[in-house]
Amino acid sequence: MITVAMVFFAFTTLLGNCFYCDNLLIYIHKKQPEKAFMKGFRLVSALAIFLGAGMEMSLLWDLSDALMGLWRSLTFRLF
């Protein structure tokens, strides 16, 4: 029973994060992005989820640390 609850929690968390990203893209573009762009974004997001689920944990943490550092350095220069 706990396993089923954890699967539902993980699935709804992913759906919620995808919803937040969709709204973020609308906010950034100041309008609804094109349907082709949103379809591509959702496909890339789904691919990243499945690839991340199959990765070794240490590789996943190293990759996330590197990408967060890259994001931080890019946004630090913008603001």
PDB file of N, CA and C in Angstrom:
ATOM      1  N   MET A   1       0.813  -1.197   0.000  1.00  0.00           N
ATOM      2  CA  MET A   1       0.000   0.000   0.000  1.00  0.00           C
ATOM      3  C   MET A   1       0.861   1.268   0.000  1.00  0.00           C
ATOM      4  N   ILE A   2       1.959   1.225   0.740  1.00  0.00           N
ATOM      5  CA  ILE A   2       2.840   2.391   0.787  1.00  0.00           C
ATOM      6  C   ILE A   2       3.502   2.611  -0.564  1.00  0.00           C
ATOM      7  N   THR A   3       3.830   1.530  -1.254  1.00  0.00           N
ATOM      8  CA  THR A   3       4.447   1.656  -2.577  1.00  0.00           C
ATOM      9  C   THR A   3       3.510   2.344  -3.547  1.00  0.00           C
ATOM     10  N   VAL A   4       2.256   1.984  -3.521  1.00  0.00           N
ATOM     11  CA  VAL A   4       1.265   2.616  -4.403  1.00  0.00           C
ATOM     12  C   VAL A   4       1.137   4.096  -4.071  1.00  0.00           C
ATOM     13  N   ALA A   5       1.116   4.424  -2.799  1.00  0.00           N
ATOM     14  CA  ALA A   5       1.023   5.828  -2.387  1.00  0.00           C
ATOM     15  C   ALA A   5       2.246   6.615  -2.852  1.00  0.00           C
ATOM     16  N   MET A   6       3.426   6.013  -2.759  1.00  0.00           N
ATOM     17  CA  MET A   6       4.646   6.693  -3.203  1.00  0.00           C
ATOM     18  C   MET A   6       4.654   6.908  -4.713  1.00  0.00           C
ATOM     19  N   VAL A   7       4.165   5.941  -5.461  1.00  0.00           N
ATOM     20  CA  VAL A   7       4.092   6.083  -6.919  1.00  0.00           C
ATOM     21  C   VAL A   7       3.133   7.214  -7.283  1.00  0.00           C
ATOM     22  N   PHE A   8       1.968   7.261  -6.634  1.00  0.00           N
ATOM     23  CA  PHE A   8       1.017   8.346  -6.902  1.00  0.00           C
ATOM     24  C   PHE A   8       1.589   9.698  -6.507  1.00  0.00           C
ATOM     25  N   PHE A   9       2.305   9.743  -5.382  1.00  0.00           N
ATOM     26  CA  PHE A   9       2.918  11.001  -4.949  1.00  0.00           C
ATOM     27  C   PHE A   9       3.951  11.466  -5.973  1.00  0.00           C
ATOM     28  N   ALA A  10       4.802  10.551  -6.443  1.00  0.00           N
ATOM     29  CA  ALA A  10       5.819  10.911  -7.432  1.00  0.00           C
ATOM     30  C   ALA A  10       5.180  11.376  -8.740  1.00  0.00           C
ATOM     31  N   PHE A  11       4.152  10.678  -9.176  1.00  0.00           N
ATOM     32  CA  PHE A  11       3.489  11.034 -10.427  1.00  0.00           C
ATOM     33  C   PHE A  11       2.819  12.406 -10.336  1.00  0.00           C
ATOM     34  N   THR A  12       2.107  12.652  -9.248  1.00  0.00           N
ATOM     35  CA  THR A  12       1.442  13.948  -9.115  1.00  0.00           C
ATOM     36  C   THR A  12       2.453  15.078  -8.924  1.00  0.00           C
ATOM     37  N   THR A  13       3.598  14.793  -8.301  1.00  0.00           N
ATOM     38  CA  THR A  13       4.643  15.801  -8.178  1.00  0.00           C
ATOM     39  C   THR A  13       5.193  16.166  -9.552  1.00  0.00           C
ATOM     40  N   LEU A  14       5.418  15.166 -10.395  1.00  0.00           N
ATOM     41  CA  LEU A  14       5.887  15.440 -11.760  1.00  0.00           C
ATOM     42  C   LEU A  14       4.859  16.236 -12.552  1.00  0.00           C
ATOM     43  N   LEU A  15       3.595  15.878 -12.423  1.00  0.00           N
ATOM     44  CA  LEU A  15       2.551  16.641 -13.118  1.00  0.00           C
ATOM     45  C   LEU A  15       2.506  18.087 -12.635  1.00  0.00           C
ATOM     46  N   GLY A  16       2.625  18.273 -11.343  1.00  0.00           N
ATOM     47  CA  GLY A  16       2.620  19.633 -10.789  1.00  0.00           C
ATOM     48  C   GLY A  16       3.793  20.448 -11.283  1.00  0.00           C
ATOM     49  N   ASN A  17       4.985  19.847 -11.320  1.00  0.00           N
ATOM     50  CA  ASN A  17       6.160  20.571 -11.806  1.00  0.00           C
ATOM     51  C   ASN A  17       6.043  20.903 -13.290  1.00  0.00           C
ATOM     52  N   CYS A  18       5.469  20.010 -14.072  1.00  0.00           N
ATOM     53  CA  CYS A  18       5.242  20.309 -15.496  1.00  0.00           C
ATOM     54  C   CYS A  18       4.255  21.461 -15.656  1.00  0.00           C
ATOM     55  N   PHE A  19       3.230  21.499 -14.814  1.00  0.00           N
ATOM     56  CA  PHE A  19       2.269  22.595 -14.843  1.00  0.00           C
ATOM     57  C   PHE A  19       2.952  23.922 -14.490  1.00  0.00           C
ATOM     58  N   TYR A  20       3.818  23.905 -13.472  1.00  0.00           N
ATOM     59  CA  TYR A  20       4.542  25.115 -13.088  1.00  0.00           C
ATOM     60  C   TYR A  20       5.444  25.587 -14.220  1.00  0.00           C
ATOM     61  N   CYS A  21       6.108  24.659 -14.902  1.00  0.00           N
ATOM     62  CA  CYS A  21       6.977  25.032 -16.021  1.00  0.00           C
ATOM     63  C   CYS A  21       6.177  25.625 -17.177  1.00  0.00           C
ATOM     64  N   ASP A  22       5.009  25.059 -17.454  1.00  0.00           N
ATOM     65  CA  ASP A  22       4.158  25.617 -18.504  1.00  0.00           C
ATOM     66  C   ASP A  22       3.778  27.060 -18.173  1.00  0.00           C
ATOM     67  N   ASN A  23       3.373  27.300 -16.937  1.00  0.00           N
ATOM     68  CA  ASN A  23       2.998  28.650 -16.533  1.00  0.00           C
ATOM     69  C   ASN A  23       4.196  29.593 -16.537  1.00  0.00           C
ATOM     70  N   LEU A  24       5.373  29.087 -16.178  1.00  0.00           N
ATOM     71  CA  LEU A  24       6.578  29.897 -16.222  1.00  0.00           C
ATOM     72  C   LEU A  24       6.889  30.327 -17.652  1.00  0.00           C
ATOM     73  N   LEU A  25       6.742  29.409 -18.598  1.00  0.00           N
ATOM     74  CA  LEU A  25       7.003  29.754 -19.994  1.00  0.00           C
ATOM     75  C   LEU A  25       6.004  30.790 -20.505  1.00  0.00           C
ATOM     76  N   ILE A  26       4.766  30.686 -20.079  1.00  0.00           N
ATOM     77  CA  ILE A  26       3.766  31.695 -20.456  1.00  0.00           C
ATOM     78  C   ILE A  26       4.148  33.047 -19.871  1.00  0.00           C
ATOM     79  N   TYR A  27       4.599  33.059 -18.626  1.00  0.00           N
ATOM     80  CA  TYR A  27       4.992  34.314 -17.972  1.00  0.00           C
ATOM     81  C   TYR A  27       6.208  34.933 -18.654  1.00  0.00           C
ATOM     82  N   ILE A  28       7.188  34.109 -18.984  1.00  0.00           N
ATOM     83  CA  ILE A  28       8.410  34.627 -19.612  1.00  0.00           C
ATOM     84  C   ILE A  28       8.120  35.182 -21.000  1.00  0.00           C
ATOM     85  N   HIS A  29       7.300  34.492 -21.772  1.00  0.00           N
ATOM     86  CA  HIS A  29       7.008  34.922 -23.145  1.00  0.00           C
ATOM     87  C   HIS A  29       5.960  36.030 -23.197  1.00  0.00           C
ATOM     88  N   LYS A  30       5.283  36.281 -22.097  1.00  0.00           N
ATOM     89  CA  LYS A  30       4.207  37.279 -22.015  1.00  0.00           C
ATOM     90  C   LYS A  30       3.010  36.915 -22.892  1.00  0.00           C
ATOM     91  N   LYS A  31       2.978  35.679 -23.361  1.00  0.00           N
ATOM     92  CA  LYS A  31       1.864  35.166 -24.144  1.00  0.00           C
ATOM     93  C   LYS A  31       1.969  33.651 -24.169  1.00  0.00           C
ATOM     94  N   GLN A  32       0.993  33.000 -24.723  1.00  0.00           N
ATOM     95  CA  GLN A  32       1.013  31.543 -24.848  1.00  0.00           C
ATOM     96  C   GLN A  32       2.046  31.157 -25.904  1.00  0.00           C
ATOM     97  N   PRO A  33       3.059  30.333 -25.540  1.00  0.00           N
ATOM     98  CA  PRO A  33       4.039  29.899 -26.552  1.00  0.00           C
ATOM     99  C   PRO A  33       3.370  29.061 -27.640  1.00  0.00           C
ATOM    100  N   GLU A  34       4.055  28.937 -28.750  1.00  0.00           N
ATOM    101  CA  GLU A  34       3.515  28.169 -29.874  1.00  0.00           C
ATOM    102  C   GLU A  34       3.302  26.712 -29.469  1.00  0.00           C
ATOM    103  N   LYS A  35       2.317  26.080 -30.106  1.00  0.00           N
ATOM    104  CA  LYS A  35       1.999  24.696 -29.769  1.00  0.00           C
ATOM    105  C   LYS A  35       3.163  23.756 -30.073  1.00  0.00           C
ATOM    106  N   ALA A  36       3.874  24.009 -31.156  1.00  0.00           N
ATOM    107  CA  ALA A  36       5.011  23.157 -31.511  1.00  0.00           C
ATOM    108  C   ALA A  36       6.110  23.258 -30.453  1.00  0.00           C
ATOM    109  N   PHE A  37       6.355  24.468 -29.949  1.00  0.00           N
ATOM    110  CA  PHE A  37       7.357  24.656 -28.905  1.00  0.00           C
ATOM    111  C   PHE A  37       6.957  23.923 -27.630  1.00  0.00           C
ATOM    112  N   MET A  38       5.702  24.053 -27.237  1.00  0.00           N
ATOM    113  CA  MET A  38       5.235  23.404 -26.014  1.00  0.00           C
ATOM    114  C   MET A  38       5.268  21.882 -26.151  1.00  0.00           C
ATOM    115  N   LYS A  39       4.928  21.379 -27.327  1.00  0.00           N
ATOM    116  CA  LYS A  39       4.984  19.928 -27.541  1.00  0.00           C
ATOM    117  C   LYS A  39       6.426  19.438 -27.441  1.00  0.00           C
ATOM    118  N   GLY A  40       7.352  20.175 -28.042  1.00  0.00           N
ATOM    119  CA  GLY A  40       8.762  19.815 -27.949  1.00  0.00           C
ATOM    120  C   GLY A  40       9.278  19.898 -26.523  1.00  0.00           C
ATOM    121  N   PHE A  41       8.880  20.932 -25.799  1.00  0.00           N
ATOM    122  CA  PHE A  41       9.288  21.081 -24.403  1.00  0.00           C
ATOM    123  C   PHE A  41       8.778  19.920 -23.557  1.00  0.00           C
ATOM    124  N   ARG A  42       7.545  19.537 -23.766  1.00  0.00           N
ATOM    125  CA  ARG A  42       6.976  18.426 -22.993  1.00  0.00           C
ATOM    126  C   ARG A  42       7.632  17.099 -23.344  1.00  0.00           C
ATOM    127  N   LEU A  43       7.973  16.900 -24.619  1.00  0.00           N
ATOM    128  CA  LEU A  43       8.674  15.670 -25.006  1.00  0.00           C
ATOM    129  C   LEU A  43      10.073  15.605 -24.402  1.00  0.00           C
ATOM    130  N   VAL A  44      10.783  16.716 -24.418  1.00  0.00           N
ATOM    131  CA  VAL A  44      12.117  16.753 -23.819  1.00  0.00           C
ATOM    132  C   VAL A  44      12.022  16.536 -22.313  1.00  0.00           C
ATOM    133  N   SER A  45      11.015  17.115 -21.682  1.00  0.00           N
ATOM    134  CA  SER A  45      10.813  16.923 -20.240  1.00  0.00           C
ATOM    135  C   SER A  45      10.539  15.454 -19.920  1.00  0.00           C
ATOM    136  N   ALA A  46       9.675  14.827 -20.689  1.00  0.00           N
ATOM    137  CA  ALA A  46       9.369  13.416 -20.454  1.00  0.00           C
ATOM    138  C   ALA A  46      10.601  12.546 -20.673  1.00  0.00           C
ATOM    139  N   LEU A  47      11.391  12.865 -21.699  1.00  0.00           N
ATOM    140  CA  LEU A  47      12.615  12.115 -21.960  1.00  0.00           C
ATOM    141  C   LEU A  47      13.601  12.281 -20.799  1.00  0.00           C
ATOM    142  N   ALA A  48      13.721  13.500 -20.287  1.00  0.00           N
ATOM    143  CA  ALA A  48      14.633  13.743 -19.162  1.00  0.00           C
ATOM    144  C   ALA A  48      14.192  12.979 -17.920  1.00  0.00           C
ATOM    145  N   ILE A  49      12.889  12.875 -17.700  1.00  0.00           N
ATOM    146  CA  ILE A  49      12.378  12.136 -16.546  1.00  0.00           C
ATOM    147  C   ILE A  49      12.730  10.667 -16.663  1.00  0.00           C
ATOM    148  N   PHE A  50      12.508  10.080 -17.824  1.00  0.00           N
ATOM    149  CA  PHE A  50      12.795   8.664 -17.998  1.00  0.00           C
ATOM    150  C   PHE A  50      14.295   8.370 -17.972  1.00  0.00           C
ATOM    151  N   LEU A  51      15.103   9.254 -18.558  1.00  0.00           N
ATOM    152  CA  LEU A  51      16.547   9.064 -18.498  1.00  0.00           C
ATOM    153  C   LEU A  51      17.056   9.199 -17.065  1.00  0.00           C
ATOM    154  N   GLY A  52      16.530  10.177 -16.342  1.00  0.00           N
ATOM    155  CA  GLY A  52      16.934  10.369 -14.956  1.00  0.00           C
ATOM    156  C   GLY A  52      16.538   9.206 -14.064  1.00  0.00           C
ATOM    157  N   ALA A  53      15.410   8.589 -14.358  1.00  0.00           N
ATOM    158  CA  ALA A  53      14.959   7.449 -13.553  1.00  0.00           C
ATOM    159  C   ALA A  53      15.866   6.245 -13.740  1.00  0.00           C
ATOM    160  N   GLY A  54      16.544   6.159 -14.878  1.00  0.00           N
ATOM    161  CA  GLY A  54      17.399   5.021 -15.143  1.00  0.00           C
ATOM    162  C   GLY A  54      18.875   5.254 -14.834  1.00  0.00           C
ATOM    163  N   MET A  55      19.238   6.468 -14.439  1.00  0.00           N
ATOM    164  CA  MET A  55      20.644   6.782 -14.180  1.00  0.00           C
ATOM    165  C   MET A  55      21.096   6.273 -12.817  1.00  0.00           C
ATOM    166  N   GLU A  56      22.389   6.094 -12.721  1.00  0.00           N
ATOM    167  CA  GLU A  56      22.992   5.789 -11.428  1.00  0.00           C
ATOM    168  C   GLU A  56      22.909   7.049 -10.551  1.00  0.00           C
ATOM    169  N   MET A  57      22.649   6.858  -9.282  1.00  0.00           N
ATOM    170  CA  MET A  57      22.383   7.997  -8.397  1.00  0.00           C
ATOM    171  C   MET A  57      23.553   8.978  -8.322  1.00  0.00           C
ATOM    172  N   SER A  58      24.781   8.490  -8.252  1.00  0.00           N
ATOM    173  CA  SER A  58      25.925   9.406  -8.146  1.00  0.00           C
ATOM    174  C   SER A  58      26.070  10.241  -9.422  1.00  0.00           C
ATOM    175  N   LEU A  59      25.835   9.628 -10.586  1.00  0.00           N
ATOM    176  CA  LEU A  59      25.894  10.370 -11.840  1.00  0.00           C
ATOM    177  C   LEU A  59      24.791  11.429 -11.887  1.00  0.00           C
ATOM    178  N   LEU A  60      23.624  11.078 -11.411  1.00  0.00           N
ATOM    179  CA  LEU A  60      22.499  12.014 -11.401  1.00  0.00           C
ATOM    180  C   LEU A  60      22.800  13.228 -10.523  1.00  0.00           C
ATOM    181  N   TRP A  61      23.366  13.003  -9.339  1.00  0.00           N
ATOM    182  CA  TRP A  61      23.707  14.110  -8.446  1.00  0.00           C
ATOM    183  C   TRP A  61      24.815  14.968  -9.048  1.00  0.00           C
ATOM    184  N   ASP A  62      25.820  14.339  -9.645  1.00  0.00           N
ATOM    185  CA  ASP A  62      26.895  15.106 -10.269  1.00  0.00           C
ATOM    186  C   ASP A  62      26.376  15.957 -11.419  1.00  0.00           C
ATOM    187  N   LEU A  63      25.497  15.386 -12.222  1.00  0.00           N
ATOM    188  CA  LEU A  63      24.917  16.127 -13.343  1.00  0.00           C
ATOM    189  C   LEU A  63      24.055  17.289 -12.851  1.00  0.00           C
ATOM    190  N   SER A  64      23.253  17.053 -11.836  1.00  0.00           N
ATOM    191  CA  SER A  64      22.404  18.132 -11.318  1.00  0.00           C
ATOM    192  C   SER A  64      23.247  19.237 -10.689  1.00  0.00           C
ATOM    193  N   ASP A  65      24.325  18.885  -9.984  1.00  0.00           N
ATOM    194  CA  ASP A  65      25.208  19.908  -9.423  1.00  0.00           C
ATOM    195  C   ASP A  65      25.845  20.758 -10.516  1.00  0.00           C
ATOM    196  N   ALA A  66      26.298  20.106 -11.575  1.00  0.00           N
ATOM    197  CA  ALA A  66      26.931  20.841 -12.674  1.00  0.00           C
ATOM    198  C   ALA A  66      25.939  21.763 -13.371  1.00  0.00           C
ATOM    199  N   LEU A  67      24.738  21.277 -13.618  1.00  0.00           N
ATOM    200  CA  LEU A  67      23.738  22.105 -14.301  1.00  0.00           C
ATOM    201  C   LEU A  67      23.257  23.250 -13.419  1.00  0.00           C
ATOM    202  N   MET A  68      23.123  23.011 -12.122  1.00  0.00           N
ATOM    203  CA  MET A  68      22.736  24.103 -11.219  1.00  0.00           C
ATOM    204  C   MET A  68      23.832  25.162 -11.140  1.00  0.00           C
ATOM    205  N   GLY A  69      25.097  24.730 -11.137  1.00  0.00           N
ATOM    206  CA  GLY A  69      26.198  25.680 -11.150  1.00  0.00           C
ATOM    207  C   GLY A  69      26.230  26.492 -12.435  1.00  0.00           C
ATOM    208  N   LEU A  70      25.981  25.831 -13.556  1.00  0.00           N
ATOM    209  CA  LEU A  70      25.927  26.535 -14.840  1.00  0.00           C
ATOM    210  C   LEU A  70      24.781  27.533 -14.854  1.00  0.00           C
ATOM    211  N   TRP A  71      23.615  27.114 -14.377  1.00  0.00           N
ATOM    212  CA  TRP A  71      22.446  28.007 -14.334  1.00  0.00           C
ATOM    213  C   TRP A  71      22.733  29.202 -13.437  1.00  0.00           C
ATOM    214  N   ARG A  72      23.344  28.940 -12.285  1.00  0.00           N
ATOM    215  CA  ARG A  72      23.636  30.026 -11.340  1.00  0.00           C
ATOM    216  C   ARG A  72      24.622  31.013 -11.945  1.00  0.00           C
ATOM    217  N   SER A  73      25.637  30.525 -12.643  1.00  0.00           N
ATOM    218  CA  SER A  73      26.616  31.438 -13.228  1.00  0.00           C
ATOM    219  C   SER A  73      25.999  32.254 -14.361  1.00  0.00           C
ATOM    220  N   LEU A  74      25.081  31.661 -15.109  1.00  0.00           N
ATOM    221  CA  LEU A  74      24.435  32.418 -16.192  1.00  0.00           C
ATOM    222  C   LEU A  74      23.471  33.457 -15.646  1.00  0.00           C
ATOM    223  N   THR A  75      22.694  33.109 -14.647  1.00  0.00           N
ATOM    224  CA  THR A  75      21.732  34.069 -14.107  1.00  0.00           C
ATOM    225  C   THR A  75      22.416  35.124 -13.268  1.00  0.00           C
ATOM    226  N   PHE A  76      23.562  34.796 -12.658  1.00  0.00           N
ATOM    227  CA  PHE A  76      24.291  35.798 -11.869  1.00  0.00           C
ATOM    228  C   PHE A  76      24.774  36.920 -12.778  1.00  0.00           C
ATOM    229  N   ARG A  77      25.166  36.556 -13.980  1.00  0.00           N
ATOM    230  CA  ARG A  77      25.655  37.576 -14.921  1.00  0.00           C
ATOM    231  C   ARG A  77      24.503  38.423 -15.482  1.00  0.00           C
ATOM    232  N   LEU A  78      23.292  37.883 -15.493  1.00  0.00           N
ATOM    233  CA  LEU A  78      22.167  38.635 -16.037  1.00  0.00           C
ATOM    234  C   LEU A  78      21.613  39.652 -15.055  1.00  0.00           C
ATOM    235  N   PHE A  79      21.681  39.340 -13.775  1.00  0.00           N
ATOM    236  CA  PHE A  79      21.039  40.207 -12.774  1.00  0.00           C
ATOM    237  C   PHE A  79      22.062  40.887 -11.933  1.00  0.00           C
TER     238      PHE A  79
END
